[in-house]
Amino acid sequence: MIVPQGPSADMATRSDEALAALAAREVSDGPAFNELLARMKQPVWRVCYRLLGNEDDARDAAQEVFLKMFTCRAQFAQQSKYSTWVHGIALRTCLHLRRGRGRRQQRIVTAEPHTMETQATASGAPAQQTGMQLDLRAMLEALDEEDRAMLILKYAEEYRFEDLAELFGISLSACKMRVSRAREKLKQLYPDVMLDA
């Protein structure tokens, strides 16, 4: 097995936060920033895709996020994880794009096509409507932008409540309450749908 040596090997072993500190001092897109970009490329694109709903918009948003990562690299204050800071940029960028383009064109997409069974089907009782399944994406459209984003990040991206609270700039208890209220709103809008955590 060949073990990489030199500057790129050194960059690969550093934490995101250590690389961010180095990238802030780089005059251009040097090895530290390039390593961060390589690490963040897939997670940023995935979040953008889930929040915006199509590949072209996600690609555009991700490019904007990467540009902001570069131009704002000296602003990372090391008060949170670097990935949380970048996902905050992605979240704000996507929310801004969604608001600007209007809800009619946008759709939320999860990793795989998710459907939810009715409670009757899940309990083993025959469903009133054979094969009745609701599209999770359509259900999420009933929520406001931030609640929708919060649920997507919590359940599709598996964010911890602590990370969500930091990302949205709210307390941990407020974050838990908002997630709970958003789930409750979905239950009220779709009473026959089973929403498991």
N, C-alpha and C. Protein backbone atom coordinates (compact mmCIF):
# COMPACT_ATOMS: atom_id res chain seq x y z
N MET A 1 0.84 -1.17 0.00
CA MET A 1 0.00 0.00 0.00
C MET A 1 0.89 1.24 0.00
N ILE A 2 0.54 2.18 -0.84
CA ILE A 2 1.29 3.43 -0.93
C ILE A 2 0.63 4.45 -0.02
N VAL A 3 1.41 5.02 0.86
CA VAL A 3 0.91 6.04 1.78
C VAL A 3 1.25 7.40 1.20
N PRO A 4 0.22 8.26 0.98
CA PRO A 4 0.52 9.57 0.43
C PRO A 4 1.40 10.38 1.36
N GLN A 5 2.31 11.13 0.76
CA GLN A 5 3.19 11.98 1.55
C GLN A 5 3.15 13.38 0.98
N GLY A 6 3.67 14.32 1.72
CA GLY A 6 3.69 15.70 1.25
C GLY A 6 2.53 16.50 1.81
N PRO A 7 2.32 17.70 1.26
CA PRO A 7 1.31 18.61 1.80
C PRO A 7 -0.10 18.06 1.77
N SER A 8 -0.47 17.34 0.70
CA SER A 8 -1.84 16.84 0.63
C SER A 8 -2.11 15.78 1.69
N ALA A 9 -1.12 14.96 2.01
CA ALA A 9 -1.28 13.96 3.07
C ALA A 9 -1.46 14.64 4.41
N ASP A 10 -0.70 15.71 4.63
CA ASP A 10 -0.81 16.47 5.86
C ASP A 10 -2.20 17.08 5.99
N MET A 11 -2.73 17.61 4.90
CA MET A 11 -4.06 18.23 4.92
C MET A 11 -5.15 17.20 5.20
N ALA A 12 -4.98 16.00 4.67
CA ALA A 12 -6.00 14.96 4.83
C ALA A 12 -6.15 14.51 6.27
N THR A 13 -5.13 14.68 7.08
CA THR A 13 -5.19 14.22 8.47
C THR A 13 -5.67 15.29 9.44
N ARG A 14 -5.80 16.51 8.98
CA ARG A 14 -6.20 17.61 9.87
C ARG A 14 -7.72 17.68 10.01
N SER A 15 -8.15 18.24 11.12
CA SER A 15 -9.59 18.43 11.35
C SER A 15 -10.09 19.56 10.44
N ASP A 16 -11.40 19.60 10.25
CA ASP A 16 -11.99 20.68 9.45
C ASP A 16 -11.66 22.04 10.05
N GLU A 17 -11.72 22.12 11.37
CA GLU A 17 -11.46 23.39 12.05
C GLU A 17 -10.02 23.84 11.87
N ALA A 18 -9.07 22.90 11.93
CA ALA A 18 -7.66 23.23 11.71
C ALA A 18 -7.44 23.69 10.27
N LEU A 19 -8.09 23.00 9.33
CA LEU A 19 -7.98 23.41 7.93
C LEU A 19 -8.59 24.79 7.70
N ALA A 20 -9.70 25.07 8.38
CA ALA A 20 -10.35 26.38 8.24
C ALA A 20 -9.43 27.49 8.71
N ALA A 21 -8.71 27.24 9.80
CA ALA A 21 -7.76 28.24 10.30
C ALA A 21 -6.64 28.47 9.29
N LEU A 22 -6.16 27.40 8.68
CA LEU A 22 -5.13 27.53 7.64
C LEU A 22 -5.68 28.23 6.40
N ALA A 23 -6.89 27.84 5.99
CA ALA A 23 -7.50 28.42 4.79
C ALA A 23 -7.73 29.92 4.95
N ALA A 24 -8.02 30.35 6.16
CA ALA A 24 -8.25 31.78 6.41
C ALA A 24 -7.00 32.60 6.14
N ARG A 25 -5.84 31.97 6.28
CA ARG A 25 -4.57 32.67 6.06
C ARG A 25 -4.05 32.52 4.63
N GLU A 26 -4.67 31.64 3.85
CA GLU A 26 -4.22 31.45 2.47
C GLU A 26 -4.64 32.64 1.61
N VAL A 27 -3.75 33.04 0.72
CA VAL A 27 -4.02 34.17 -0.16
C VAL A 27 -5.05 33.80 -1.22
N SER A 28 -5.00 32.58 -1.70
CA SER A 28 -5.95 32.12 -2.71
C SER A 28 -6.47 30.76 -2.27
N ASP A 29 -7.01 30.02 -3.21
CA ASP A 29 -7.53 28.69 -2.87
C ASP A 29 -6.38 27.69 -2.78
N GLY A 30 -5.73 27.70 -1.66
CA GLY A 30 -4.59 26.83 -1.42
C GLY A 30 -5.00 25.43 -0.99
N PRO A 31 -4.05 24.63 -0.56
CA PRO A 31 -4.32 23.23 -0.23
C PRO A 31 -5.32 23.05 0.92
N ALA A 32 -5.30 23.93 1.90
CA ALA A 32 -6.24 23.78 3.02
C ALA A 32 -7.67 24.00 2.55
N PHE A 33 -7.89 25.07 1.78
CA PHE A 33 -9.24 25.32 1.29
C PHE A 33 -9.68 24.22 0.34
N ASN A 34 -8.79 23.76 -0.53
CA ASN A 34 -9.16 22.70 -1.47
C ASN A 34 -9.54 21.41 -0.75
N GLU A 35 -8.87 21.11 0.35
CA GLU A 35 -9.23 19.93 1.14
C GLU A 35 -10.61 20.11 1.77
N LEU A 36 -10.88 21.30 2.31
CA LEU A 36 -12.21 21.58 2.87
C LEU A 36 -13.29 21.46 1.80
N LEU A 37 -13.02 21.99 0.64
CA LEU A 37 -13.97 21.92 -0.47
C LEU A 37 -14.26 20.46 -0.84
N ALA A 38 -13.21 19.65 -0.90
CA ALA A 38 -13.39 18.23 -1.22
C ALA A 38 -14.25 17.53 -0.17
N ARG A 39 -14.04 17.87 1.10
CA ARG A 39 -14.81 17.25 2.18
C ARG A 39 -16.26 17.70 2.19
N MET A 40 -16.50 18.95 1.85
CA MET A 40 -17.84 19.53 1.97
C MET A 40 -18.69 19.37 0.71
N LYS A 41 -18.07 19.00 -0.39
CA LYS A 41 -18.78 18.98 -1.68
C LYS A 41 -20.05 18.13 -1.64
N GLN A 42 -19.95 16.88 -1.26
CA GLN A 42 -21.12 16.00 -1.24
C GLN A 42 -22.15 16.40 -0.18
N PRO A 43 -21.74 16.64 1.06
CA PRO A 43 -22.74 17.02 2.07
C PRO A 43 -23.49 18.31 1.70
N VAL A 44 -22.79 19.29 1.15
CA VAL A 44 -23.45 20.54 0.77
C VAL A 44 -24.42 20.29 -0.38
N TRP A 45 -24.00 19.56 -1.38
CA TRP A 45 -24.89 19.29 -2.51
C TRP A 45 -26.12 18.52 -2.04
N ARG A 46 -25.93 17.55 -1.16
CA ARG A 46 -27.06 16.75 -0.66
C ARG A 46 -28.07 17.62 0.08
N VAL A 47 -27.59 18.50 0.95
CA VAL A 47 -28.50 19.39 1.69
C VAL A 47 -29.22 20.32 0.71
N CYS A 48 -28.50 20.87 -0.24
CA CYS A 48 -29.12 21.76 -1.23
C CYS A 48 -30.17 21.02 -2.05
N TYR A 49 -29.87 19.80 -2.43
CA TYR A 49 -30.82 19.01 -3.21
C TYR A 49 -32.08 18.72 -2.40
N ARG A 50 -31.91 18.35 -1.15
CA ARG A 50 -33.07 18.05 -0.32
C ARG A 50 -33.91 19.28 -0.05
N LEU A 51 -33.28 20.42 0.07
CA LEU A 51 -34.04 21.65 0.35
C LEU A 51 -34.65 22.27 -0.90
N LEU A 52 -34.02 22.09 -2.06
CA LEU A 52 -34.51 22.74 -3.27
C LEU A 52 -35.27 21.81 -4.20
N GLY A 53 -34.93 20.54 -4.21
CA GLY A 53 -35.74 19.58 -4.93
C GLY A 53 -35.36 19.24 -6.34
N ASN A 54 -34.39 19.89 -6.93
CA ASN A 54 -33.95 19.43 -8.24
C ASN A 54 -32.45 19.66 -8.40
N GLU A 55 -31.87 18.88 -9.28
CA GLU A 55 -30.42 18.87 -9.41
C GLU A 55 -29.84 20.19 -9.89
N ASP A 56 -30.50 20.83 -10.85
CA ASP A 56 -29.96 22.09 -11.37
C ASP A 56 -29.92 23.17 -10.30
N ASP A 57 -31.03 23.32 -9.57
CA ASP A 57 -31.06 24.31 -8.50
C ASP A 57 -30.06 23.97 -7.40
N ALA A 58 -29.95 22.68 -7.09
CA ALA A 58 -29.00 22.25 -6.05
C ALA A 58 -27.57 22.54 -6.48
N ARG A 59 -27.27 22.30 -7.73
CA ARG A 59 -25.93 22.56 -8.25
C ARG A 59 -25.62 24.06 -8.18
N ASP A 60 -26.58 24.89 -8.59
CA ASP A 60 -26.39 26.35 -8.52
C ASP A 60 -26.19 26.81 -7.09
N ALA A 61 -27.03 26.30 -6.19
CA ALA A 61 -26.93 26.69 -4.77
C ALA A 61 -25.60 26.23 -4.18
N ALA A 62 -25.20 25.01 -4.50
CA ALA A 62 -23.93 24.49 -3.97
C ALA A 62 -22.76 25.35 -4.45
N GLN A 63 -22.78 25.76 -5.71
CA GLN A 63 -21.72 26.63 -6.22
C GLN A 63 -21.69 27.95 -5.46
N GLU A 64 -22.87 28.48 -5.16
CA GLU A 64 -22.94 29.73 -4.39
C GLU A 64 -22.39 29.51 -2.98
N VAL A 65 -22.71 28.37 -2.39
CA VAL A 65 -22.20 28.04 -1.05
C VAL A 65 -20.67 27.94 -1.08
N PHE A 66 -20.12 27.27 -2.09
CA PHE A 66 -18.67 27.12 -2.18
C PHE A 66 -17.99 28.48 -2.37
N LEU A 67 -18.61 29.35 -3.15
CA LEU A 67 -18.07 30.69 -3.32
C LEU A 67 -18.08 31.44 -1.99
N LYS A 68 -19.17 31.32 -1.24
CA LYS A 68 -19.25 31.97 0.07
C LYS A 68 -18.25 31.35 1.05
N MET A 69 -18.06 30.02 0.96
CA MET A 69 -17.05 29.37 1.80
C MET A 69 -15.69 30.03 1.58
N PHE A 70 -15.40 30.30 0.30
CA PHE A 70 -14.10 30.88 -0.03
C PHE A 70 -14.03 32.35 0.38
N THR A 71 -15.01 33.14 -0.03
CA THR A 71 -14.93 34.58 0.24
C THR A 71 -15.09 34.92 1.72
N CYS A 72 -15.77 34.07 2.46
CA CYS A 72 -16.00 34.33 3.90
C CYS A 72 -15.13 33.46 4.79
N ARG A 73 -14.12 32.82 4.23
CA ARG A 73 -13.34 31.84 4.99
C ARG A 73 -12.69 32.43 6.24
N ALA A 74 -12.36 33.70 6.22
CA ALA A 74 -11.74 34.33 7.39
C ALA A 74 -12.77 34.64 8.48
N GLN A 75 -14.06 34.53 8.16
CA GLN A 75 -15.11 34.85 9.12
C GLN A 75 -15.48 33.67 10.02
N PHE A 76 -15.00 32.48 9.70
CA PHE A 76 -15.31 31.33 10.56
C PHE A 76 -14.64 31.57 11.90
N ALA A 77 -15.46 31.65 12.94
CA ALA A 77 -14.97 32.08 14.26
C ALA A 77 -14.57 30.92 15.18
N GLN A 78 -14.61 29.70 14.70
CA GLN A 78 -14.22 28.53 15.50
C GLN A 78 -15.12 28.35 16.73
N GLN A 79 -16.33 28.92 16.71
CA GLN A 79 -17.24 28.76 17.84
C GLN A 79 -18.16 27.56 17.65
N SER A 80 -18.11 26.96 16.49
CA SER A 80 -18.91 25.77 16.19
C SER A 80 -18.07 24.87 15.31
N LYS A 81 -18.63 23.73 14.96
CA LYS A 81 -17.94 22.87 14.01
C LYS A 81 -17.95 23.55 12.65
N TYR A 82 -16.93 23.32 11.88
CA TYR A 82 -16.85 23.93 10.55
C TYR A 82 -18.02 23.46 9.69
N SER A 83 -18.35 22.18 9.77
CA SER A 83 -19.45 21.65 8.96
C SER A 83 -20.77 22.33 9.31
N THR A 84 -20.98 22.66 10.58
CA THR A 84 -22.20 23.37 10.99
C THR A 84 -22.22 24.77 10.36
N TRP A 85 -21.08 25.43 10.38
CA TRP A 85 -20.98 26.76 9.77
C TRP A 85 -21.29 26.70 8.28
N VAL A 86 -20.74 25.71 7.58
CA VAL A 86 -20.98 25.57 6.14
C VAL A 86 -22.43 25.22 5.88
N HIS A 87 -22.99 24.31 6.67
CA HIS A 87 -24.40 23.97 6.48
C HIS A 87 -25.31 25.16 6.77
N GLY A 88 -24.89 26.03 7.67
CA GLY A 88 -25.65 27.27 7.90
C GLY A 88 -25.66 28.14 6.65
N ILE A 89 -24.52 28.23 5.99
CA ILE A 89 -24.45 28.97 4.72
C ILE A 89 -25.37 28.32 3.69
N ALA A 90 -25.32 26.99 3.61
CA ALA A 90 -26.16 26.27 2.65
C ALA A 90 -27.64 26.48 2.95
N LEU A 91 -28.01 26.39 4.21
CA LEU A 91 -29.40 26.58 4.61
C LEU A 91 -29.89 27.97 4.21
N ARG A 92 -29.15 29.00 4.58
CA ARG A 92 -29.56 30.37 4.26
C ARG A 92 -29.61 30.60 2.75
N THR A 93 -28.65 30.04 2.03
CA THR A 93 -28.64 30.18 0.57
C THR A 93 -29.87 29.53 -0.05
N CYS A 94 -30.18 28.32 0.39
CA CYS A 94 -31.34 27.60 -0.17
C CYS A 94 -32.66 28.28 0.21
N LEU A 95 -32.78 28.73 1.44
CA LEU A 95 -34.01 29.43 1.84
C LEU A 95 -34.18 30.70 1.02
N HIS A 96 -33.09 31.40 0.79
CA HIS A 96 -33.15 32.62 -0.02
C HIS A 96 -33.57 32.28 -1.46
N LEU A 97 -32.99 31.25 -2.03
CA LEU A 97 -33.35 30.85 -3.40
C LEU A 97 -34.79 30.39 -3.50
N ARG A 98 -35.25 29.62 -2.51
CA ARG A 98 -36.65 29.16 -2.52
C ARG A 98 -37.60 30.34 -2.46
N ARG A 99 -37.32 31.28 -1.59
CA ARG A 99 -38.20 32.44 -1.46
C ARG A 99 -38.19 33.27 -2.73
N GLY A 100 -37.03 33.37 -3.34
CA GLY A 100 -36.90 34.18 -4.54
C GLY A 100 -37.56 33.57 -5.76
N ARG A 101 -37.59 32.29 -5.83
CA ARG A 101 -38.14 31.62 -7.02
C ARG A 101 -39.60 31.25 -6.86
N GLY A 102 -40.12 31.36 -5.66
CA GLY A 102 -41.53 31.05 -5.46
C GLY A 102 -41.75 29.58 -5.16
N ARG A 103 -42.75 29.32 -4.36
CA ARG A 103 -43.03 27.95 -3.93
C ARG A 103 -43.53 27.07 -5.06
N ARG A 104 -44.16 27.65 -6.07
CA ARG A 104 -44.78 26.82 -7.11
C ARG A 104 -43.77 25.96 -7.86
N GLN A 105 -42.52 26.42 -7.96
CA GLN A 105 -41.53 25.67 -8.72
C GLN A 105 -40.73 24.70 -7.86
N GLN A 106 -40.80 24.85 -6.56
CA GLN A 106 -39.90 24.11 -5.69
C GLN A 106 -40.56 22.86 -5.12
N ARG A 107 -39.75 21.86 -4.90
CA ARG A 107 -40.19 20.64 -4.23
C ARG A 107 -39.08 20.17 -3.31
N ILE A 108 -39.48 19.65 -2.17
CA ILE A 108 -38.52 19.09 -1.23
C ILE A 108 -38.28 17.64 -1.62
N VAL A 109 -37.04 17.21 -1.59
CA VAL A 109 -36.70 15.85 -1.95
C VAL A 109 -35.90 15.22 -0.82
N THR A 110 -36.25 14.01 -0.47
CA THR A 110 -35.50 13.27 0.52
C THR A 110 -34.54 12.34 -0.21
N ALA A 111 -33.71 11.64 0.52
CA ALA A 111 -32.68 10.80 -0.09
C ALA A 111 -33.27 9.78 -1.06
N GLU A 112 -34.26 9.05 -0.60
CA GLU A 112 -34.95 8.10 -1.45
C GLU A 112 -36.41 8.53 -1.48
N PRO A 113 -37.17 8.00 -2.43
CA PRO A 113 -38.59 8.33 -2.40
C PRO A 113 -39.20 7.72 -1.14
N HIS A 114 -39.64 8.57 -0.24
CA HIS A 114 -40.26 8.12 0.99
C HIS A 114 -41.77 8.19 0.86
N THR A 115 -42.44 7.24 1.43
CA THR A 115 -43.89 7.31 1.53
C THR A 115 -44.24 6.95 2.95
N MET A 116 -45.42 7.33 3.35
CA MET A 116 -45.88 7.01 4.69
C MET A 116 -47.17 6.23 4.58
N GLU A 117 -47.26 5.19 5.37
CA GLU A 117 -48.47 4.38 5.36
C GLU A 117 -49.52 5.03 6.24
N THR A 118 -50.77 4.74 5.95
CA THR A 118 -51.82 5.21 6.84
C THR A 118 -51.77 4.37 8.10
N GLN A 119 -52.34 4.88 9.18
CA GLN A 119 -52.34 4.13 10.43
C GLN A 119 -53.08 2.81 10.28
N ALA A 120 -54.13 2.82 9.49
CA ALA A 120 -54.90 1.59 9.30
C ALA A 120 -54.04 0.52 8.65
N THR A 121 -53.29 0.89 7.63
CA THR A 121 -52.44 -0.07 6.95
C THR A 121 -51.34 -0.57 7.88
N ALA A 122 -50.74 0.33 8.64
CA ALA A 122 -49.64 -0.04 9.53
C ALA A 122 -50.11 -0.97 10.64
N SER A 123 -51.34 -0.82 11.09
CA SER A 123 -51.83 -1.65 12.18
C SER A 123 -52.28 -3.02 11.69
N GLY A 124 -52.30 -3.23 10.39
CA GLY A 124 -52.71 -4.51 9.86
C GLY A 124 -54.15 -4.51 9.40
N ALA A 125 -54.92 -3.51 9.77
CA ALA A 125 -56.31 -3.42 9.33
C ALA A 125 -56.33 -2.98 7.87
N PRO A 126 -57.35 -3.39 7.14
CA PRO A 126 -57.40 -2.99 5.74
C PRO A 126 -57.56 -1.48 5.61
N ALA A 127 -56.84 -0.89 4.70
CA ALA A 127 -56.95 0.54 4.46
C ALA A 127 -58.23 0.81 3.69
N GLN A 128 -58.84 1.96 3.94
CA GLN A 128 -60.06 2.31 3.23
C GLN A 128 -59.79 2.44 1.74
N GLN A 129 -58.62 2.86 1.42
CA GLN A 129 -58.26 3.03 0.03
C GLN A 129 -57.04 2.15 -0.22
N THR A 130 -57.16 1.16 -1.06
CA THR A 130 -56.06 0.24 -1.30
C THR A 130 -54.83 0.98 -1.77
N GLY A 131 -53.71 0.67 -1.13
CA GLY A 131 -52.44 1.27 -1.52
C GLY A 131 -52.34 2.75 -1.20
N MET A 132 -53.14 3.22 -0.24
CA MET A 132 -53.13 4.65 0.08
C MET A 132 -51.79 5.02 0.71
N GLN A 133 -51.05 5.84 0.02
CA GLN A 133 -49.78 6.33 0.52
C GLN A 133 -49.67 7.81 0.18
N LEU A 134 -49.09 8.54 1.07
CA LEU A 134 -48.92 9.97 0.83
C LEU A 134 -47.45 10.27 0.59
N ASP A 135 -47.22 11.21 -0.26
CA ASP A 135 -45.87 11.62 -0.58
C ASP A 135 -45.37 12.58 0.49
N LEU A 136 -44.30 12.22 1.16
CA LEU A 136 -43.73 13.04 2.22
C LEU A 136 -43.36 14.43 1.72
N ARG A 137 -42.86 14.50 0.52
CA ARG A 137 -42.48 15.81 -0.03
C ARG A 137 -43.66 16.75 -0.10
N ALA A 138 -44.78 16.26 -0.57
CA ALA A 138 -45.98 17.10 -0.67
C ALA A 138 -46.46 17.52 0.71
N MET A 139 -46.34 16.63 1.68
CA MET A 139 -46.76 16.96 3.04
C MET A 139 -45.90 18.08 3.61
N LEU A 140 -44.62 18.03 3.38
CA LEU A 140 -43.72 19.04 3.92
C LEU A 140 -43.97 20.42 3.33
N GLU A 141 -44.54 20.47 2.14
CA GLU A 141 -44.84 21.76 1.51
C GLU A 141 -45.86 22.56 2.32
N ALA A 142 -46.61 21.90 3.20
CA ALA A 142 -47.61 22.59 4.02
C ALA A 142 -46.96 23.41 5.13
N LEU A 143 -45.71 23.16 5.41
CA LEU A 143 -45.01 23.87 6.50
C LEU A 143 -44.34 25.13 5.97
N ASP A 144 -44.04 26.05 6.90
CA ASP A 144 -43.29 27.23 6.47
C ASP A 144 -41.85 26.82 6.19
N GLU A 145 -41.13 27.70 5.51
CA GLU A 145 -39.78 27.39 5.02
C GLU A 145 -38.84 26.87 6.10
N GLU A 146 -38.77 27.57 7.23
CA GLU A 146 -37.80 27.18 8.26
C GLU A 146 -38.20 25.89 8.95
N ASP A 147 -39.49 25.68 9.21
CA ASP A 147 -39.92 24.43 9.83
C ASP A 147 -39.65 23.25 8.90
N ARG A 148 -39.91 23.43 7.61
CA ARG A 148 -39.65 22.39 6.62
C ARG A 148 -38.15 22.06 6.61
N ALA A 149 -37.32 23.10 6.56
CA ALA A 149 -35.87 22.89 6.55
C ALA A 149 -35.42 22.19 7.83
N MET A 150 -36.00 22.59 8.96
CA MET A 150 -35.62 21.99 10.23
C MET A 150 -35.94 20.49 10.25
N LEU A 151 -37.13 20.11 9.77
CA LEU A 151 -37.49 18.69 9.74
C LEU A 151 -36.61 17.91 8.77
N ILE A 152 -36.31 18.49 7.63
CA ILE A 152 -35.45 17.80 6.66
C ILE A 152 -34.07 17.57 7.25
N LEU A 153 -33.51 18.60 7.87
CA LEU A 153 -32.18 18.45 8.45
C LEU A 153 -32.19 17.48 9.63
N LYS A 154 -33.26 17.50 10.42
CA LYS A 154 -33.35 16.61 11.58
C LYS A 154 -33.51 15.15 11.15
N TYR A 155 -34.44 14.89 10.25
CA TYR A 155 -34.77 13.50 9.94
C TYR A 155 -34.10 12.95 8.68
N ALA A 156 -33.87 13.76 7.67
CA ALA A 156 -33.20 13.26 6.46
C ALA A 156 -31.68 13.33 6.60
N GLU A 157 -31.19 14.41 7.21
CA GLU A 157 -29.74 14.57 7.38
C GLU A 157 -29.26 14.10 8.75
N GLU A 158 -30.19 13.75 9.63
CA GLU A 158 -29.90 13.21 10.96
C GLU A 158 -29.09 14.16 11.83
N TYR A 159 -29.42 15.45 11.75
CA TYR A 159 -28.79 16.43 12.63
C TYR A 159 -29.23 16.20 14.06
N ARG A 160 -28.33 16.44 14.99
CA ARG A 160 -28.68 16.41 16.41
C ARG A 160 -29.40 17.72 16.73
N PHE A 161 -30.22 17.71 17.78
CA PHE A 161 -30.93 18.92 18.18
C PHE A 161 -29.94 20.05 18.49
N GLU A 162 -28.81 19.71 19.09
CA GLU A 162 -27.81 20.72 19.44
C GLU A 162 -27.29 21.42 18.19
N ASP A 163 -27.04 20.65 17.14
CA ASP A 163 -26.55 21.24 15.89
C ASP A 163 -27.62 22.09 15.22
N LEU A 164 -28.86 21.61 15.24
CA LEU A 164 -29.96 22.40 14.67
C LEU A 164 -30.13 23.72 15.40
N ALA A 165 -30.08 23.66 16.72
CA ALA A 165 -30.24 24.88 17.52
C ALA A 165 -29.16 25.90 17.15
N GLU A 166 -27.94 25.43 17.02
CA GLU A 166 -26.84 26.31 16.65
C GLU A 166 -27.03 26.86 15.24
N LEU A 167 -27.44 26.01 14.32
CA LEU A 167 -27.64 26.40 12.94
C LEU A 167 -28.72 27.47 12.79
N PHE A 168 -29.80 27.32 13.54
CA PHE A 168 -30.92 28.26 13.45
C PHE A 168 -30.80 29.42 14.43
N GLY A 169 -29.76 29.38 15.28
CA GLY A 169 -29.54 30.47 16.22
C GLY A 169 -30.59 30.56 17.31
N ILE A 170 -31.04 29.39 17.78
CA ILE A 170 -32.05 29.35 18.84
C ILE A 170 -31.56 28.44 19.95
N SER A 171 -32.23 28.49 21.09
CA SER A 171 -31.83 27.64 22.21
C SER A 171 -32.21 26.19 21.91
N LEU A 172 -31.60 25.28 22.65
CA LEU A 172 -31.89 23.86 22.48
C LEU A 172 -33.35 23.56 22.75
N SER A 173 -33.90 24.13 23.82
CA SER A 173 -35.31 23.87 24.14
C SER A 173 -36.23 24.45 23.07
N ALA A 174 -35.89 25.62 22.53
CA ALA A 174 -36.70 26.21 21.46
C ALA A 174 -36.64 25.35 20.20
N CYS A 175 -35.48 24.78 19.93
CA CYS A 175 -35.32 23.91 18.77
C CYS A 175 -36.19 22.66 18.90
N LYS A 176 -36.13 22.02 20.06
CA LYS A 176 -36.95 20.83 20.29
C LYS A 176 -38.43 21.16 20.17
N MET A 177 -38.82 22.32 20.67
CA MET A 177 -40.22 22.74 20.61
C MET A 177 -40.65 22.98 19.16
N ARG A 178 -39.79 23.62 18.37
CA ARG A 178 -40.14 23.88 16.96
C ARG A 178 -40.28 22.59 16.17
N VAL A 179 -39.39 21.64 16.40
CA VAL A 179 -39.50 20.36 15.71
C VAL A 179 -40.79 19.67 16.13
N SER A 180 -41.07 19.68 17.41
CA SER A 180 -42.29 19.06 17.92
C SER A 180 -43.53 19.72 17.33
N ARG A 181 -43.54 21.04 17.28
CA ARG A 181 -44.71 21.75 16.74
C ARG A 181 -44.86 21.51 15.24
N ALA A 182 -43.77 21.43 14.52
CA ALA A 182 -43.85 21.15 13.08
C ALA A 182 -44.40 19.76 12.84
N ARG A 183 -43.95 18.79 13.64
CA ARG A 183 -44.48 17.43 13.53
C ARG A 183 -45.97 17.41 13.88
N GLU A 184 -46.34 18.16 14.91
CA GLU A 184 -47.74 18.22 15.33
C GLU A 184 -48.60 18.85 14.23
N LYS A 185 -48.08 19.86 13.57
CA LYS A 185 -48.83 20.48 12.48
C LYS A 185 -49.05 19.46 11.36
N LEU A 186 -48.04 18.68 11.04
CA LEU A 186 -48.21 17.63 10.02
C LEU A 186 -49.26 16.62 10.45
N LYS A 187 -49.26 16.25 11.73
CA LYS A 187 -50.25 15.30 12.24
C LYS A 187 -51.66 15.87 12.13
N GLN A 188 -51.80 17.17 12.38
CA GLN A 188 -53.12 17.80 12.27
C GLN A 188 -53.57 17.88 10.82
N LEU A 189 -52.65 18.18 9.93
CA LEU A 189 -52.99 18.29 8.51
C LEU A 189 -53.25 16.92 7.87
N TYR A 190 -52.55 15.91 8.36
CA TYR A 190 -52.65 14.56 7.80
C TYR A 190 -52.91 13.57 8.93
N PRO A 191 -54.12 13.57 9.51
CA PRO A 191 -54.38 12.75 10.70
C PRO A 191 -54.29 11.24 10.45
N ASP A 192 -54.46 10.80 9.21
CA ASP A 192 -54.42 9.36 8.92
C ASP A 192 -53.01 8.86 8.63
N VAL A 193 -52.04 9.72 8.74
CA VAL A 193 -50.66 9.34 8.42
C VAL A 193 -49.88 9.11 9.69
N MET A 194 -49.14 8.02 9.69
CA MET A 194 -48.31 7.67 10.84
C MET A 194 -46.96 8.37 10.69
N LEU A 195 -46.62 9.21 11.64
CA LEU A 195 -45.35 9.94 11.62
C LEU A 195 -44.47 9.41 12.73
N ASP A 196 -43.58 8.51 12.41
CA ASP A 196 -42.64 7.99 13.40
C ASP A 196 -41.40 8.86 13.40
N ALA A 197 -40.79 8.99 14.57
CA ALA A 197 -39.56 9.78 14.68
C ALA A 197 -38.41 9.01 14.11
